[in-house]
């Protein structure tokens, strides 16, 4: 559990990199980005300035309490920290 919540796993279309995708408003969205936008009202600017990142390291999780706004560098740091912790 992270921030008192379990992962909310997307059960629809998932890519090979395990990101959930959905069509909404005529556009294809990563589920976690759409959730973040719908809850906060803020549309992230995208790479490298603003990304929606996962605290849980589960790419198809859409639990808002697991999502946070970060940078491309934060994303690389999270990936590297998670990779070295699990080896």
C-alpha atoms as a PDB file:
ATOM      1  CA  UNK A   1       0.000   0.000   0.000  1.00  0.00           C
ATOM      2  CA  UNK A   2       1.130   3.493  -0.810  1.00  0.00           C
ATOM      3  CA  UNK A   3      -0.430   6.567   0.807  1.00  0.00           C
ATOM      4  CA  UNK A   4      -3.024   4.264   2.398  1.00  0.00           C
ATOM      5  CA  UNK A   5      -4.237   2.874  -0.925  1.00  0.00           C
ATOM      6  CA  UNK A   6      -3.727  -0.264  -2.964  1.00  0.00           C
ATOM      7  CA  UNK A   7      -3.026  -0.050  -6.678  1.00  0.00           C
ATOM      8  CA  UNK A   8      -6.074   0.487  -8.859  1.00  0.00           C
ATOM      9  CA  UNK A   9      -5.127  -1.663 -11.837  1.00  0.00           C
ATOM     10  CA  UNK A  10      -6.366  -0.899 -15.333  1.00  0.00           C
ATOM     11  CA  UNK A  11      -7.922  -4.015 -16.875  1.00  0.00           C
ATOM     12  CA  UNK A  12      -8.476  -2.615 -20.364  1.00  0.00           C
ATOM     13  CA  UNK A  13      -5.885  -2.316 -23.142  1.00  0.00           C
ATOM     14  CA  UNK A  14      -2.295  -2.507 -21.856  1.00  0.00           C
ATOM     15  CA  UNK A  15       0.815  -2.029 -24.003  1.00  0.00           C
ATOM     16  CA  UNK A  16       3.935  -4.177 -24.019  1.00  0.00           C
ATOM     17  CA  UNK A  17       5.486  -1.710 -21.565  1.00  0.00           C
ATOM     18  CA  UNK A  18       2.437  -2.318 -19.316  1.00  0.00           C
ATOM     19  CA  UNK A  19       0.897   1.164 -19.606  1.00  0.00           C
ATOM     20  CA  UNK A  20      -2.875   1.229 -19.711  1.00  0.00           C
ATOM     21  CA  UNK A  21      -4.421   3.080 -22.651  1.00  0.00           C
ATOM     22  CA  UNK A  22      -7.925   4.354 -23.301  1.00  0.00           C
ATOM     23  CA  UNK A  23      -9.668   6.466 -25.944  1.00  0.00           C
ATOM     24  CA  UNK A  24     -11.372   9.517 -24.508  1.00  0.00           C
ATOM     25  CA  UNK A  25     -12.475  12.709 -26.227  1.00  0.00           C
ATOM     26  CA  UNK A  26     -11.189  11.479 -29.579  1.00  0.00           C
ATOM     27  CA  UNK A  27      -7.678  11.011 -28.226  1.00  0.00           C
ATOM     28  CA  UNK A  28      -5.613   8.052 -27.020  1.00  0.00           C
ATOM     29  CA  UNK A  29      -4.490   8.541 -23.404  1.00  0.00           C
ATOM     30  CA  UNK A  30      -2.256   6.730 -20.965  1.00  0.00           C
ATOM     31  CA  UNK A  31      -4.712   5.916 -18.212  1.00  0.00           C
ATOM     32  CA  UNK A  32      -2.621   7.360 -15.379  1.00  0.00           C
ATOM     33  CA  UNK A  33      -2.244  10.690 -17.202  1.00  0.00           C
ATOM     34  CA  UNK A  34      -5.997  10.910 -17.869  1.00  0.00           C
ATOM     35  CA  UNK A  35      -6.770  10.085 -14.219  1.00  0.00           C
ATOM     36  CA  UNK A  36      -4.343  12.765 -13.042  1.00  0.00           C
ATOM     37  CA  UNK A  37      -5.870  15.344 -15.391  1.00  0.00           C
ATOM     38  CA  UNK A  38      -9.475  14.467 -14.485  1.00  0.00           C
ATOM     39  CA  UNK A  39      -8.808  14.635 -10.732  1.00  0.00           C
ATOM     40  CA  UNK A  40      -6.492  17.659 -10.574  1.00  0.00           C
ATOM     41  CA  UNK A  41      -7.587  19.614 -13.648  1.00  0.00           C
ATOM     42  CA  UNK A  42      -3.915  20.040 -14.589  1.00  0.00           C
ATOM     43  CA  UNK A  43      -2.653  18.778 -17.943  1.00  0.00           C
ATOM     44  CA  UNK A  44       1.031  17.870 -17.653  1.00  0.00           C
ATOM     45  CA  UNK A  45       3.255  19.554 -20.242  1.00  0.00           C
ATOM     46  CA  UNK A  46       5.022  16.319 -21.186  1.00  0.00           C
ATOM     47  CA  UNK A  47       8.673  15.388 -21.610  1.00  0.00           C
ATOM     48  CA  UNK A  48      11.010  16.532 -20.259  1.00  0.00           C
ATOM     49  CA  UNK A  49       9.299  19.158 -18.115  1.00  0.00           C
ATOM     50  CA  UNK A  50       6.261  17.477 -16.564  1.00  0.00           C
ATOM     51  CA  UNK A  51       5.327  13.821 -16.409  1.00  0.00           C
ATOM     52  CA  UNK A  52       2.811  11.913 -14.330  1.00  0.00           C
ATOM     53  CA  UNK A  53       4.859   9.370 -12.391  1.00  0.00           C
ATOM     54  CA  UNK A  54       3.950   6.344 -10.251  1.00  0.00           C
ATOM     55  CA  UNK A  55       5.060   5.996  -6.631  1.00  0.00           C
ATOM     56  CA  UNK A  56       4.093   2.323  -6.845  1.00  0.00           C
ATOM     57  CA  UNK A  57       6.176   1.475  -9.949  1.00  0.00           C
ATOM     58  CA  UNK A  58       3.101  -0.183 -11.538  1.00  0.00           C
ATOM     59  CA  UNK A  59       2.639   1.358 -14.990  1.00  0.00           C
ATOM     60  CA  UNK A  60      -1.038   0.385 -15.349  1.00  0.00           C
ATOM     61  CA  UNK A  61      -2.036   1.701 -11.906  1.00  0.00           C
ATOM     62  CA  UNK A  62      -4.556   4.547 -11.962  1.00  0.00           C
ATOM     63  CA  UNK A  63      -4.846   5.184  -8.211  1.00  0.00           C
ATOM     64  CA  UNK A  64      -4.557   8.968  -7.852  1.00  0.00           C
ATOM     65  CA  UNK A  65      -2.770   8.665  -4.488  1.00  0.00           C
ATOM     66  CA  UNK A  66       0.030   6.774  -6.260  1.00  0.00           C
ATOM     67  CA  UNK A  67       0.505   9.429  -8.951  1.00  0.00           C
ATOM     68  CA  UNK A  68       2.591  12.572  -8.776  1.00  0.00           C
ATOM     69  CA  UNK A  69       3.909  15.219 -11.104  1.00  0.00           C
ATOM     70  CA  UNK A  70       7.635  15.015 -11.813  1.00  0.00           C
ATOM     71  CA  UNK A  71      10.269  15.673 -14.442  1.00  0.00           C
ATOM     72  CA  UNK A  72      12.018  13.455 -16.934  1.00  0.00           C
ATOM     73  CA  UNK A  73      14.985  13.353 -14.554  1.00  0.00           C
ATOM     74  CA  UNK A  74      12.713  12.263 -11.676  1.00  0.00           C
ATOM     75  CA  UNK A  75      11.469   9.455 -13.905  1.00  0.00           C
ATOM     76  CA  UNK A  76      15.026   8.293 -14.665  1.00  0.00           C
ATOM     77  CA  UNK A  77      15.998   8.523 -10.987  1.00  0.00           C
ATOM     78  CA  UNK A  78      12.908   6.539  -9.918  1.00  0.00           C
ATOM     79  CA  UNK A  79      13.634   3.870 -12.514  1.00  0.00           C
ATOM     80  CA  UNK A  80      17.285   3.584 -11.481  1.00  0.00           C
ATOM     81  CA  UNK A  81      16.474   3.511  -7.746  1.00  0.00           C
ATOM     82  CA  UNK A  82      13.817   0.852  -8.252  1.00  0.00           C
ATOM     83  CA  UNK A  83      16.070  -1.215 -10.534  1.00  0.00           C
ATOM     84  CA  UNK A  84      18.972  -1.231  -8.087  1.00  0.00           C
ATOM     85  CA  UNK A  85      16.710  -1.944  -5.085  1.00  0.00           C
ATOM     86  CA  UNK A  86      15.271  -5.033  -6.768  1.00  0.00           C
ATOM     87  CA  UNK A  87      18.590  -6.574  -7.909  1.00  0.00           C
END
